[in-house]
Amino acid sequence: MSEPLRCEYDCVGHRGKTDWHHPISKDGKVGLYLCEAHHSLLFGRKRKYTFEYDIDKSLAEMRYEVCLLVIDVVKKAGYTKEDIDKN
């Protein structure tokens, strides 16, 4: 049996199923796994989930970190942040 997918954002808690996030439409092989809670940060979620109240970061800070993680993955694949066309 294979190991369950894990969210690649380093956080003390995660919520929802984990899916492949591919930020470049033309290349679905470039991306990372994010749980629903952390993927929703990319869309500008406005409220913290219960498990996030103990995290000493604002949603904006966490969103910024997830965006940096996405950019890092894109750059390692030979693209630039300007190639990102979906969140």
PDB file of N, CA and C in Angstrom:
ATOM      1  N   MET A   1       0.851  -1.190   0.000  1.00  0.00           N
ATOM      2  CA  MET A   1       0.000   0.000   0.000  1.00  0.00           C
ATOM      3  C   MET A   1       0.888   1.242   0.000  1.00  0.00           C
ATOM      4  N   SER A   2       0.574   2.217  -0.823  1.00  0.00           N
ATOM      5  CA  SER A   2       1.401   3.419  -0.909  1.00  0.00           C
ATOM      6  C   SER A   2       1.093   4.380   0.241  1.00  0.00           C
ATOM      7  N   GLU A   3       2.078   5.199   0.533  1.00  0.00           N
ATOM      8  CA  GLU A   3       1.930   6.186   1.596  1.00  0.00           C
ATOM      9  C   GLU A   3       0.991   7.298   1.132  1.00  0.00           C
ATOM     10  N   PRO A   4       0.141   7.812   2.032  1.00  0.00           N
ATOM     11  CA  PRO A   4      -0.769   8.888   1.623  1.00  0.00           C
ATOM     12  C   PRO A   4      -0.001  10.150   1.225  1.00  0.00           C
ATOM     13  N   LEU A   5      -0.587  10.910   0.337  1.00  0.00           N
ATOM     14  CA  LEU A   5       0.033  12.154  -0.104  1.00  0.00           C
ATOM     15  C   LEU A   5       0.111  13.120   1.060  1.00  0.00           C
ATOM     16  N   ARG A   6       1.189  13.883   1.112  1.00  0.00           N
ATOM     17  CA  ARG A   6       1.376  14.836   2.195  1.00  0.00           C
ATOM     18  C   ARG A   6       1.492  16.247   1.624  1.00  0.00           C
ATOM     19  N   CYS A   7       0.909  17.190   2.329  1.00  0.00           N
ATOM     20  CA  CYS A   7       1.014  18.595   1.962  1.00  0.00           C
ATOM     21  C   CYS A   7       2.476  19.019   2.100  1.00  0.00           C
ATOM     22  N   GLU A   8       2.974  19.739   1.119  1.00  0.00           N
ATOM     23  CA  GLU A   8       4.380  20.135   1.110  1.00  0.00           C
ATOM     24  C   GLU A   8       4.647  21.457   1.828  1.00  0.00           C
ATOM     25  N   TYR A   9       3.601  22.114   2.283  1.00  0.00           N
ATOM     26  CA  TYR A   9       3.794  23.337   3.068  1.00  0.00           C
ATOM     27  C   TYR A   9       4.069  22.927   4.505  1.00  0.00           C
ATOM     28  N   ASP A  10       5.148  23.429   5.059  1.00  0.00           N
ATOM     29  CA  ASP A  10       5.561  23.084   6.413  1.00  0.00           C
ATOM     30  C   ASP A  10       4.700  23.837   7.421  1.00  0.00           C
ATOM     31  N   CYS A  11       3.797  23.117   8.043  1.00  0.00           N
ATOM     32  CA  CYS A  11       2.852  23.711   8.981  1.00  0.00           C
ATOM     33  C   CYS A  11       2.503  22.666  10.034  1.00  0.00           C
ATOM     34  N   VAL A  12       2.096  23.131  11.208  1.00  0.00           N
ATOM     35  CA  VAL A  12       1.773  22.191  12.287  1.00  0.00           C
ATOM     36  C   VAL A  12       0.471  21.448  12.043  1.00  0.00           C
ATOM     37  N   GLY A  13      -0.378  21.944  11.190  1.00  0.00           N
ATOM     38  CA  GLY A  13      -1.653  21.288  10.935  1.00  0.00           C
ATOM     39  C   GLY A  13      -2.048  21.376   9.477  1.00  0.00           C
ATOM     40  N   HIS A  14      -2.895  20.457   9.085  1.00  0.00           N
ATOM     41  CA  HIS A  14      -3.391  20.419   7.709  1.00  0.00           C
ATOM     42  C   HIS A  14      -4.861  20.053   7.753  1.00  0.00           C
ATOM     43  N   ARG A  15      -5.588  20.395   6.692  1.00  0.00           N
ATOM     44  CA  ARG A  15      -7.025  20.117   6.663  1.00  0.00           C
ATOM     45  C   ARG A  15      -7.459  19.758   5.254  1.00  0.00           C
ATOM     46  N   GLY A  16      -8.295  18.758   5.158  1.00  0.00           N
ATOM     47  CA  GLY A  16      -8.838  18.356   3.862  1.00  0.00           C
ATOM     48  C   GLY A  16      -7.912  17.431   3.114  1.00  0.00           C
ATOM     49  N   LYS A  17      -8.398  16.993   1.970  1.00  0.00           N
ATOM     50  CA  LYS A  17      -7.586  16.074   1.165  1.00  0.00           C
ATOM     51  C   LYS A  17      -6.424  16.819   0.521  1.00  0.00           C
ATOM     52  N   THR A  18      -5.412  16.077   0.162  1.00  0.00           N
ATOM     53  CA  THR A  18      -4.227  16.641  -0.471  1.00  0.00           C
ATOM     54  C   THR A  18      -4.288  16.361  -1.966  1.00  0.00           C
ATOM     55  N   ASP A  19      -4.110  17.398  -2.766  1.00  0.00           N
ATOM     56  CA  ASP A  19      -4.153  17.278  -4.220  1.00  0.00           C
ATOM     57  C   ASP A  19      -2.923  17.919  -4.845  1.00  0.00           C
ATOM     58  N   TRP A  20      -2.685  17.538  -6.082  1.00  0.00           N
ATOM     59  CA  TRP A  20      -1.588  18.092  -6.880  1.00  0.00           C
ATOM     60  C   TRP A  20      -1.968  19.489  -7.346  1.00  0.00           C
ATOM     61  N   HIS A  21      -1.150  20.465  -7.016  1.00  0.00           N
ATOM     62  CA  HIS A  21      -1.365  21.839  -7.484  1.00  0.00           C
ATOM     63  C   HIS A  21      -0.334  22.101  -8.572  1.00  0.00           C
ATOM     64  N   HIS A  22      -0.812  22.328  -9.797  1.00  0.00           N
ATOM     65  CA  HIS A  22       0.101  22.617 -10.904  1.00  0.00           C
ATOM     66  C   HIS A  22      -0.152  24.055 -11.374  1.00  0.00           C
ATOM     67  N   PRO A  23       0.761  24.953 -11.035  1.00  0.00           N
ATOM     68  CA  PRO A  23       0.567  26.382 -11.297  1.00  0.00           C
ATOM     69  C   PRO A  23       0.770  26.820 -12.741  1.00  0.00           C
ATOM     70  N   ILE A  24       1.256  25.910 -13.586  1.00  0.00           N
ATOM     71  CA  ILE A  24       1.493  26.260 -14.989  1.00  0.00           C
ATOM     72  C   ILE A  24       0.621  25.343 -15.846  1.00  0.00           C
ATOM     73  N   SER A  25      -0.389  25.898 -16.491  1.00  0.00           N
ATOM     74  CA  SER A  25      -1.350  25.097 -17.261  1.00  0.00           C
ATOM     75  C   SER A  25      -0.694  24.206 -18.299  1.00  0.00           C
ATOM     76  N   LYS A  26       0.289  24.736 -18.993  1.00  0.00           N
ATOM     77  CA  LYS A  26       0.887  23.990 -20.100  1.00  0.00           C
ATOM     78  C   LYS A  26       1.789  22.846 -19.640  1.00  0.00           C
ATOM     79  N   ASP A  27       2.098  22.783 -18.345  1.00  0.00           N
ATOM     80  CA  ASP A  27       2.965  21.719 -17.837  1.00  0.00           C
ATOM     81  C   ASP A  27       2.416  21.185 -16.518  1.00  0.00           C
ATOM     82  N   GLY A  28       1.572  20.192 -16.610  1.00  0.00           N
ATOM     83  CA  GLY A  28       0.945  19.613 -15.429  1.00  0.00           C
ATOM     84  C   GLY A  28       1.875  18.772 -14.577  1.00  0.00           C
ATOM     85  N   LYS A  29       3.110  18.579 -15.036  1.00  0.00           N
ATOM     86  CA  LYS A  29       4.080  17.810 -14.252  1.00  0.00           C
ATOM     87  C   LYS A  29       4.824  18.673 -13.248  1.00  0.00           C
ATOM     88  N   VAL A  30       4.724  19.985 -13.385  1.00  0.00           N
ATOM     89  CA  VAL A  30       5.379  20.909 -12.453  1.00  0.00           C
ATOM     90  C   VAL A  30       4.354  21.315 -11.408  1.00  0.00           C
ATOM     91  N   GLY A  31       4.692  21.086 -10.165  1.00  0.00           N
ATOM     92  CA  GLY A  31       3.771  21.464  -9.106  1.00  0.00           C
ATOM     93  C   GLY A  31       4.151  20.860  -7.774  1.00  0.00           C
ATOM     94  N   LEU A  32       3.205  20.873  -6.849  1.00  0.00           N
ATOM     95  CA  LEU A  32       3.432  20.351  -5.515  1.00  0.00           C
ATOM     96  C   LEU A  32       2.105  19.928  -4.912  1.00  0.00           C
ATOM     97  N   TYR A  33       2.192  19.133  -3.865  1.00  0.00           N
ATOM     98  CA  TYR A  33       0.998  18.671  -3.176  1.00  0.00           C
ATOM     99  C   TYR A  33       0.647  19.652  -2.060  1.00  0.00           C
ATOM    100  N   LEU A  34      -0.623  20.072  -2.037  1.00  0.00           N
ATOM    101  CA  LEU A  34      -1.122  20.965  -0.984  1.00  0.00           C
ATOM    102  C   LEU A  34      -2.441  20.426  -0.457  1.00  0.00           C
ATOM    103  N   CYS A  35      -2.620  20.524   0.866  1.00  0.00           N
ATOM    104  CA  CYS A  35      -3.918  20.161   1.431  1.00  0.00           C
ATOM    105  C   CYS A  35      -4.907  21.273   1.079  1.00  0.00           C
ATOM    106  N   GLU A  36      -6.178  21.000   1.244  1.00  0.00           N
ATOM    107  CA  GLU A  36      -7.202  21.986   0.878  1.00  0.00           C
ATOM    108  C   GLU A  36      -7.033  23.294   1.638  1.00  0.00           C
ATOM    109  N   ALA A  37      -6.662  23.216   2.905  1.00  0.00           N
ATOM    110  CA  ALA A  37      -6.503  24.439   3.708  1.00  0.00           C
ATOM    111  C   ALA A  37      -5.398  25.327   3.149  1.00  0.00           C
ATOM    112  N   HIS A  38      -4.284  24.736   2.785  1.00  0.00           N
ATOM    113  CA  HIS A  38      -3.167  25.545   2.308  1.00  0.00           C
ATOM    114  C   HIS A  38      -3.329  25.946   0.842  1.00  0.00           C
ATOM    115  N   HIS A  39      -4.023  25.139   0.072  1.00  0.00           N
ATOM    116  CA  HIS A  39      -4.322  25.529  -1.298  1.00  0.00           C
ATOM    117  C   HIS A  39      -5.258  26.734  -1.304  1.00  0.00           C
ATOM    118  N   SER A  40      -6.191  26.768  -0.361  1.00  0.00           N
ATOM    119  CA  SER A  40      -7.143  27.888  -0.312  1.00  0.00           C
ATOM    120  C   SER A  40      -6.465  29.202   0.042  1.00  0.00           C
ATOM    121  N   LEU A  41      -5.281  29.157   0.639  1.00  0.00           N
ATOM    122  CA  LEU A  41      -4.538  30.391   0.911  1.00  0.00           C
ATOM    123  C   LEU A  41      -4.184  31.099  -0.391  1.00  0.00           C
ATOM    124  N   LEU A  42      -3.903  30.324  -1.426  1.00  0.00           N
ATOM    125  CA  LEU A  42      -3.555  30.918  -2.724  1.00  0.00           C
ATOM    126  C   LEU A  42      -4.718  31.712  -3.311  1.00  0.00           C
ATOM    127  N   PHE A  43      -5.931  31.371  -2.910  1.00  0.00           N
ATOM    128  CA  PHE A  43      -7.118  32.062  -3.415  1.00  0.00           C
ATOM    129  C   PHE A  43      -7.567  33.191  -2.500  1.00  0.00           C
ATOM    130  N   GLY A  44      -6.786  33.464  -1.447  1.00  0.00           N
ATOM    131  CA  GLY A  44      -7.090  34.597  -0.591  1.00  0.00           C
ATOM    132  C   GLY A  44      -8.111  34.319   0.496  1.00  0.00           C
ATOM    133  N   ARG A  45      -8.079  33.119   1.065  1.00  0.00           N
ATOM    134  CA  ARG A  45      -8.995  32.792   2.162  1.00  0.00           C
ATOM    135  C   ARG A  45      -8.909  33.878   3.229  1.00  0.00           C
ATOM    136  N   LYS A  46     -10.056  34.293   3.771  1.00  0.00           N
ATOM    137  CA  LYS A  46     -10.135  35.449   4.669  1.00  0.00           C
ATOM    138  C   LYS A  46     -10.090  35.109   6.162  1.00  0.00           C
ATOM    139  N   ARG A  47     -10.366  33.858   6.516  1.00  0.00           N
ATOM    140  CA  ARG A  47     -10.426  33.505   7.942  1.00  0.00           C
ATOM    141  C   ARG A  47      -9.553  32.302   8.244  1.00  0.00           C
ATOM    142  N   LYS A  48      -9.000  32.308   9.444  1.00  0.00           N
ATOM    143  CA  LYS A  48      -8.225  31.165   9.895  1.00  0.00           C
ATOM    144  C   LYS A  48      -9.150  30.015  10.257  1.00  0.00           C
ATOM    145  N   TYR A  49      -8.656  28.800  10.014  1.00  0.00           N
ATOM    146  CA  TYR A  49      -9.345  27.614  10.506  1.00  0.00           C
ATOM    147  C   TYR A  49      -8.962  27.434  11.971  1.00  0.00           C
ATOM    148  N   THR A  50      -9.744  26.665  12.694  1.00  0.00           N
ATOM    149  CA  THR A  50      -9.521  26.465  14.122  1.00  0.00           C
ATOM    150  C   THR A  50      -8.087  26.033  14.419  1.00  0.00           C
ATOM    151  N   PHE A  51      -7.553  25.090  13.659  1.00  0.00           N
ATOM    152  CA  PHE A  51      -6.204  24.598  13.935  1.00  0.00           C
ATOM    153  C   PHE A  51      -5.137  25.663  13.711  1.00  0.00           C
ATOM    154  N   GLU A  52      -5.464  26.746  13.026  1.00  0.00           N
ATOM    155  CA  GLU A  52      -4.483  27.790  12.728  1.00  0.00           C
ATOM    156  C   GLU A  52      -4.408  28.885  13.784  1.00  0.00           C
ATOM    157  N   TYR A  53      -5.317  28.890  14.741  1.00  0.00           N
ATOM    158  CA  TYR A  53      -5.295  29.934  15.762  1.00  0.00           C
ATOM    159  C   TYR A  53      -4.026  29.895  16.607  1.00  0.00           C
ATOM    160  N   ASP A  54      -3.429  28.733  16.760  1.00  0.00           N
ATOM    161  CA  ASP A  54      -2.211  28.604  17.554  1.00  0.00           C
ATOM    162  C   ASP A  54      -0.945  28.912  16.756  1.00  0.00           C
ATOM    163  N   ILE A  55      -1.078  29.156  15.485  1.00  0.00           N
ATOM    164  CA  ILE A  55       0.074  29.481  14.641  1.00  0.00           C
ATOM    165  C   ILE A  55       0.334  30.984  14.733  1.00  0.00           C
ATOM    166  N   ASP A  56       1.557  31.327  15.039  1.00  0.00           N
ATOM    167  CA  ASP A  56       1.927  32.724  15.250  1.00  0.00           C
ATOM    168  C   ASP A  56       2.255  33.421  13.918  1.00  0.00           C
ATOM    169  N   LYS A  57       1.323  33.297  12.969  1.00  0.00           N
ATOM    170  CA  LYS A  57       1.468  33.951  11.665  1.00  0.00           C
ATOM    171  C   LYS A  57       0.091  34.375  11.204  1.00  0.00           C
ATOM    172  N   SER A  58       0.044  35.451  10.462  1.00  0.00           N
ATOM    173  CA  SER A  58      -1.223  35.874   9.868  1.00  0.00           C
ATOM    174  C   SER A  58      -1.480  35.032   8.620  1.00  0.00           C
ATOM    175  N   LEU A  59      -2.714  35.076   8.125  1.00  0.00           N
ATOM    176  CA  LEU A  59      -3.021  34.380   6.874  1.00  0.00           C
ATOM    177  C   LEU A  59      -2.180  34.935   5.725  1.00  0.00           C
ATOM    178  N   ALA A  60      -1.955  36.247   5.751  1.00  0.00           N
ATOM    179  CA  ALA A  60      -1.141  36.871   4.695  1.00  0.00           C
ATOM    180  C   ALA A  60       0.290  36.320   4.715  1.00  0.00           C
ATOM    181  N   GLU A  61       0.840  36.119   5.906  1.00  0.00           N
ATOM    182  CA  GLU A  61       2.192  35.561   6.010  1.00  0.00           C
ATOM    183  C   GLU A  61       2.230  34.121   5.509  1.00  0.00           C
ATOM    184  N   MET A  62       1.220  33.342   5.884  1.00  0.00           N
ATOM    185  CA  MET A  62       1.183  31.954   5.423  1.00  0.00           C
ATOM    186  C   MET A  62       0.984  31.899   3.915  1.00  0.00           C
ATOM    187  N   ARG A  63       0.127  32.766   3.383  1.00  0.00           N
ATOM    188  CA  ARG A  63      -0.084  32.813   1.934  1.00  0.00           C
ATOM    189  C   ARG A  63       1.224  33.147   1.212  1.00  0.00           C
ATOM    190  N   TYR A  64       1.954  34.106   1.743  1.00  0.00           N
ATOM    191  CA  TYR A  64       3.232  34.498   1.166  1.00  0.00           C
ATOM    192  C   TYR A  64       4.194  33.309   1.140  1.00  0.00           C
ATOM    193  N   GLU A  65       4.239  32.545   2.240  1.00  0.00           N
ATOM    194  CA  GLU A  65       5.117  31.376   2.300  1.00  0.00           C
ATOM    195  C   GLU A  65       4.718  30.309   1.283  1.00  0.00           C
ATOM    196  N   VAL A  66       3.426  30.081   1.126  1.00  0.00           N
ATOM    197  CA  VAL A  66       2.963  29.105   0.137  1.00  0.00           C
ATOM    198  C   VAL A  66       3.317  29.592  -1.273  1.00  0.00           C
ATOM    199  N   CYS A  67       3.138  30.877  -1.529  1.00  0.00           N
ATOM    200  CA  CYS A  67       3.502  31.444  -2.841  1.00  0.00           C
ATOM    201  C   CYS A  67       4.992  31.273  -3.114  1.00  0.00           C
ATOM    202  N   LEU A  68       5.830  31.510  -2.111  1.00  0.00           N
ATOM    203  CA  LEU A  68       7.274  31.320  -2.280  1.00  0.00           C
ATOM    204  C   LEU A  68       7.609  29.859  -2.573  1.00  0.00           C
ATOM    205  N   LEU A  69       6.898  28.954  -1.917  1.00  0.00           N
ATOM    206  CA  LEU A  69       7.092  27.526  -2.152  1.00  0.00           C
ATOM    207  C   LEU A  69       6.743  27.171  -3.598  1.00  0.00           C
ATOM    208  N   VAL A  70       5.639  27.704  -4.084  1.00  0.00           N
ATOM    209  CA  VAL A  70       5.218  27.468  -5.470  1.00  0.00           C
ATOM    210  C   VAL A  70       6.264  28.030  -6.433  1.00  0.00           C
ATOM    211  N   ILE A  71       6.725  29.235  -6.185  1.00  0.00           N
ATOM    212  CA  ILE A  71       7.735  29.861  -7.054  1.00  0.00           C
ATOM    213  C   ILE A  71       9.018  29.040  -7.061  1.00  0.00           C
ATOM    214  N   ASP A  72       9.411  28.531  -5.902  1.00  0.00           N
ATOM    215  CA  ASP A  72      10.627  27.715  -5.811  1.00  0.00           C
ATOM    216  C   ASP A  72      10.497  26.450  -6.665  1.00  0.00           C
ATOM    217  N   VAL A  73       9.365  25.790  -6.599  1.00  0.00           N
ATOM    218  CA  VAL A  73       9.125  24.577  -7.387  1.00  0.00           C
ATOM    219  C   VAL A  73       9.164  24.902  -8.885  1.00  0.00           C
ATOM    220  N   VAL A  74       8.557  26.010  -9.263  1.00  0.00           N
ATOM    221  CA  VAL A  74       8.520  26.437 -10.663  1.00  0.00           C
ATOM    222  C   VAL A  74       9.932  26.739 -11.172  1.00  0.00           C
ATOM    223  N   LYS A  75      10.718  27.433 -10.364  1.00  0.00           N
ATOM    224  CA  LYS A  75      12.085  27.774 -10.771  1.00  0.00           C
ATOM    225  C   LYS A  75      12.958  26.532 -10.901  1.00  0.00           C
ATOM    226  N   LYS A  76      12.782  25.575  -9.985  1.00  0.00           N
ATOM    227  CA  LYS A  76      13.566  24.332 -10.062  1.00  0.00           C
ATOM    228  C   LYS A  76      13.250  23.557 -11.332  1.00  0.00           C
ATOM    229  N   ALA A  77      12.071  23.760 -11.885  1.00  0.00           N
ATOM    230  CA  ALA A  77      11.678  23.085 -13.129  1.00  0.00           C
ATOM    231  C   ALA A  77      12.115  23.860 -14.370  1.00  0.00           C
ATOM    232  N   GLY A  78      12.790  25.003 -14.175  1.00  0.00           N
ATOM    233  CA  GLY A  78      13.296  25.762 -15.313  1.00  0.00           C
ATOM    234  C   GLY A  78      12.381  26.862 -15.809  1.00  0.00           C
ATOM    235  N   TYR A  79      11.316  27.141 -15.075  1.00  0.00           N
ATOM    236  CA  TYR A  79      10.398  28.218 -15.437  1.00  0.00           C
ATOM    237  C   TYR A  79      10.665  29.438 -14.556  1.00  0.00           C
ATOM    238  N   THR A  80       9.980  30.519 -14.852  1.00  0.00           N
ATOM    239  CA  THR A  80      10.049  31.710 -14.016  1.00  0.00           C
ATOM    240  C   THR A  80       8.690  31.952 -13.370  1.00  0.00           C
ATOM    241  N   LYS A  81       8.639  32.838 -12.390  1.00  0.00           N
ATOM    242  CA  LYS A  81       7.356  33.114 -11.729  1.00  0.00           C
ATOM    243  C   LYS A  81       6.353  33.715 -12.702  1.00  0.00           C
ATOM    244  N   GLU A  82       6.822  34.331 -13.782  1.00  0.00           N
ATOM    245  CA  GLU A  82       5.921  34.891 -14.785  1.00  0.00           C
ATOM    246  C   GLU A  82       5.189  33.804 -15.577  1.00  0.00           C
ATOM    247  N   ASP A  83       5.714  32.597 -15.550  1.00  0.00           N
ATOM    248  CA  ASP A  83       5.059  31.471 -16.232  1.00  0.00           C
ATOM    249  C   ASP A  83       3.858  30.932 -15.460  1.00  0.00           C
ATOM    250  N   ILE A  84       3.752  31.290 -14.195  1.00  0.00           N
ATOM    251  CA  ILE A  84       2.639  30.826 -13.370  1.00  0.00           C
ATOM    252  C   ILE A  84       1.361  31.496 -13.869  1.00  0.00           C
ATOM    253  N   ASP A  85       0.370  30.664 -14.238  1.00  0.00           N
ATOM    254  CA  ASP A  85      -0.881  31.246 -14.740  1.00  0.00           C
ATOM    255  C   ASP A  85      -2.098  30.742 -13.974  1.00  0.00           C
ATOM    256  N   LYS A  86      -1.892  29.984 -12.922  1.00  0.00           N
ATOM    257  CA  LYS A  86      -3.028  29.563 -12.111  1.00  0.00           C
ATOM    258  C   LYS A  86      -2.596  29.294 -10.673  1.00  0.00           C
ATOM    259  N   ASN A  87      -3.506  29.584  -9.787  1.00  0.00           N
ATOM    260  CA  ASN A  87      -3.281  29.326  -8.361  1.00  0.00           C
ATOM    261  C   ASN A  87      -4.304  28.365  -7.842  1.00  0.00           C
TER     262      ASN A  87
END
